[in-house]
Amino acid sequence: MLRNVLVTIGGLLLIAGVTGLFSGYVGPGVVCLVWGAILVFGIVYEHYRYKKILDRPPGPDWVRSTERFVDDKSGKTVTVYVKPVTGERAYVAEVIGQ
């Protein structure tokens, strides 16, 4: 819900920026374009950047951390695995008895 509101606000800022540039208000038009682009592209990037939740641990060089959380979308408890060499993180849905 909040994501949709922010994308809408960003889109309106982009439209206001283009309108401002064509109307001769270059300064405010550029400001609206920049903030609109930050909002829209930031939200879209965050949406695609969010990692998928795996069904099983990623591999032998991954270490199970103590960090756990409940995923908002699936309602599953998720355990975070870390690859110590790179610091990369993987999210694994907990299985009963694990």
C-alpha atoms as a PDB file:
ATOM      1  CA  MET A   1       0.000   0.000   0.000  1.00  0.00           C
ATOM      2  CA  LEU A   2       2.690   2.506   1.015  1.00  0.00           C
ATOM      3  CA  ARG A   3       4.753   1.484  -2.015  1.00  0.00           C
ATOM      4  CA  ASN A   4       1.835   2.374  -4.323  1.00  0.00           C
ATOM      5  CA  VAL A   5       1.349   5.743  -2.632  1.00  0.00           C
ATOM      6  CA  LEU A   6       5.039   6.601  -2.972  1.00  0.00           C
ATOM      7  CA  VAL A   7       5.157   5.546  -6.637  1.00  0.00           C
ATOM      8  CA  THR A   8       2.068   7.685  -7.301  1.00  0.00           C
ATOM      9  CA  ILE A   9       3.638  10.692  -5.577  1.00  0.00           C
ATOM     10  CA  GLY A  10       6.855  10.127  -7.535  1.00  0.00           C
ATOM     11  CA  GLY A  11       4.908   9.910 -10.795  1.00  0.00           C
ATOM     12  CA  LEU A  12       3.082  13.138 -10.018  1.00  0.00           C
ATOM     13  CA  LEU A  13       6.403  14.822  -9.261  1.00  0.00           C
ATOM     14  CA  LEU A  14       7.778  13.620 -12.598  1.00  0.00           C
ATOM     15  CA  ILE A  15       4.735  15.022 -14.416  1.00  0.00           C
ATOM     16  CA  ALA A  16       5.037  18.307 -12.486  1.00  0.00           C
ATOM     17  CA  GLY A  17       8.727  18.474 -13.366  1.00  0.00           C
ATOM     18  CA  VAL A  18       8.135  17.998 -17.083  1.00  0.00           C
ATOM     19  CA  THR A  19       5.289  20.514 -16.991  1.00  0.00           C
ATOM     20  CA  GLY A  20       7.507  22.986 -15.141  1.00  0.00           C
ATOM     21  CA  LEU A  21      10.310  22.622 -17.669  1.00  0.00           C
ATOM     22  CA  PHE A  22       7.972  23.194 -20.621  1.00  0.00           C
ATOM     23  CA  SER A  23       6.345  26.170 -18.852  1.00  0.00           C
ATOM     24  CA  GLY A  24       9.662  27.932 -18.275  1.00  0.00           C
ATOM     25  CA  TYR A  25      10.035  27.112 -14.572  1.00  0.00           C
ATOM     26  CA  VAL A  26      13.364  25.351 -14.981  1.00  0.00           C
ATOM     27  CA  GLY A  27      14.522  25.384 -11.331  1.00  0.00           C
ATOM     28  CA  PRO A  28      11.350  23.945  -9.786  1.00  0.00           C
ATOM     29  CA  GLY A  29      10.941  21.615 -12.763  1.00  0.00           C
ATOM     30  CA  VAL A  30      14.384  20.093 -12.241  1.00  0.00           C
ATOM     31  CA  VAL A  31      13.769  19.711  -8.495  1.00  0.00           C
ATOM     32  CA  CYS A  32      10.472  17.900  -9.140  1.00  0.00           C
ATOM     33  CA  LEU A  33      12.101  15.684 -11.772  1.00  0.00           C
ATOM     34  CA  VAL A  34      14.964  14.710  -9.467  1.00  0.00           C
ATOM     35  CA  TRP A  35      12.752  13.902  -6.461  1.00  0.00           C
ATOM     36  CA  GLY A  36      10.209  12.109  -8.630  1.00  0.00           C
ATOM     37  CA  ALA A  37      12.943   9.981 -10.198  1.00  0.00           C
ATOM     38  CA  ILE A  38      14.433   9.177  -6.785  1.00  0.00           C
ATOM     39  CA  LEU A  39      11.056   8.048  -5.457  1.00  0.00           C
ATOM     40  CA  VAL A  40       9.962   6.005  -8.471  1.00  0.00           C
ATOM     41  CA  PHE A  41      13.273   4.349  -9.274  1.00  0.00           C
ATOM     42  CA  GLY A  42      14.114   3.804  -5.596  1.00  0.00           C
ATOM     43  CA  ILE A  43      10.845   1.967  -4.956  1.00  0.00           C
ATOM     44  CA  VAL A  44      11.109  -0.066  -8.170  1.00  0.00           C
ATOM     45  CA  TYR A  45      14.745  -0.972  -7.439  1.00  0.00           C
ATOM     46  CA  GLU A  46      13.913  -1.995  -3.865  1.00  0.00           C
ATOM     47  CA  HIS A  47      11.085  -4.193  -5.109  1.00  0.00           C
ATOM     48  CA  TYR A  48      13.359  -6.130  -7.477  1.00  0.00           C
ATOM     49  CA  ARG A  49      16.302  -6.152  -5.076  1.00  0.00           C
ATOM     50  CA  TYR A  50      14.386  -7.992  -2.353  1.00  0.00           C
ATOM     51  CA  LYS A  51      15.766 -11.511  -2.204  1.00  0.00           C
ATOM     52  CA  LYS A  52      13.663 -14.614  -2.654  1.00  0.00           C
ATOM     53  CA  ILE A  53      13.087 -16.920   0.279  1.00  0.00           C
ATOM     54  CA  LEU A  54      14.708 -20.303  -0.291  1.00  0.00           C
ATOM     55  CA  ASP A  55      13.243 -23.672   0.721  1.00  0.00           C
ATOM     56  CA  ARG A  56      16.569 -25.133   1.902  1.00  0.00           C
ATOM     57  CA  PRO A  57      19.974 -23.873   3.036  1.00  0.00           C
ATOM     58  CA  PRO A  58      22.112 -22.567   0.156  1.00  0.00           C
ATOM     59  CA  GLY A  59      25.245 -24.722   0.544  1.00  0.00           C
ATOM     60  CA  PRO A  60      28.122 -25.926   2.685  1.00  0.00           C
ATOM     61  CA  ASP A  61      30.037 -22.611   2.806  1.00  0.00           C
ATOM     62  CA  TRP A  62      27.033 -20.832   4.337  1.00  0.00           C
ATOM     63  CA  VAL A  63      26.665 -20.385   8.103  1.00  0.00           C
ATOM     64  CA  ARG A  64      23.304 -20.240   9.847  1.00  0.00           C
ATOM     65  CA  SER A  65      23.018 -17.018  11.856  1.00  0.00           C
ATOM     66  CA  THR A  66      20.869 -16.353  14.914  1.00  0.00           C
ATOM     67  CA  GLU A  67      18.849 -13.782  12.971  1.00  0.00           C
ATOM     68  CA  ARG A  68      15.245 -14.789  12.306  1.00  0.00           C
ATOM     69  CA  PHE A  69      12.126 -12.899  11.273  1.00  0.00           C
ATOM     70  CA  VAL A  70       8.593 -13.492  10.031  1.00  0.00           C
ATOM     71  CA  ASP A  71       8.162 -12.673   6.342  1.00  0.00           C
ATOM     72  CA  ASP A  72       5.257 -10.262   5.831  1.00  0.00           C
ATOM     73  CA  LYS A  73       4.179 -11.745   2.504  1.00  0.00           C
ATOM     74  CA  SER A  74       4.246 -15.464   3.312  1.00  0.00           C
ATOM     75  CA  GLY A  75       3.905 -15.427   7.098  1.00  0.00           C
ATOM     76  CA  LYS A  76       6.779 -17.935   7.315  1.00  0.00           C
ATOM     77  CA  THR A  77       9.575 -17.763   9.849  1.00  0.00           C
ATOM     78  CA  VAL A  78      12.788 -17.090   7.961  1.00  0.00           C
ATOM     79  CA  THR A  79      16.366 -17.823   9.055  1.00  0.00           C
ATOM     80  CA  VAL A  80      19.255 -15.769   7.704  1.00  0.00           C
ATOM     81  CA  TYR A  81      22.316 -17.637   6.397  1.00  0.00           C
ATOM     82  CA  VAL A  82      25.589 -15.795   5.816  1.00  0.00           C
ATOM     83  CA  LYS A  83      28.516 -16.610   3.557  1.00  0.00           C
ATOM     84  CA  PRO A  84      31.464 -15.495   5.732  1.00  0.00           C
ATOM     85  CA  VAL A  85      33.884 -14.997   2.816  1.00  0.00           C
ATOM     86  CA  THR A  86      31.715 -12.426   1.010  1.00  0.00           C
ATOM     87  CA  GLY A  87      29.176 -11.330   3.644  1.00  0.00           C
ATOM     88  CA  GLU A  88      26.370 -12.307   1.273  1.00  0.00           C
ATOM     89  CA  ARG A  89      23.065 -13.187   2.936  1.00  0.00           C
ATOM     90  CA  ALA A  90      20.463 -15.809   2.039  1.00  0.00           C
ATOM     91  CA  TYR A  91      16.962 -16.117   3.474  1.00  0.00           C
ATOM     92  CA  VAL A  92      15.649 -19.628   4.156  1.00  0.00           C
ATOM     93  CA  ALA A  93      12.141 -20.546   5.293  1.00  0.00           C
ATOM     94  CA  GLU A  94      12.289 -22.627   8.450  1.00  0.00           C
ATOM     95  CA  VAL A  95      10.977 -26.163   8.272  1.00  0.00           C
ATOM     96  CA  ILE A  96       9.353 -27.746  11.317  1.00  0.00           C
ATOM     97  CA  GLY A  97      11.951 -29.837  13.161  1.00  0.00           C
ATOM     98  CA  GLN A  98      14.914 -27.828  11.841  1.00  0.00           C
END
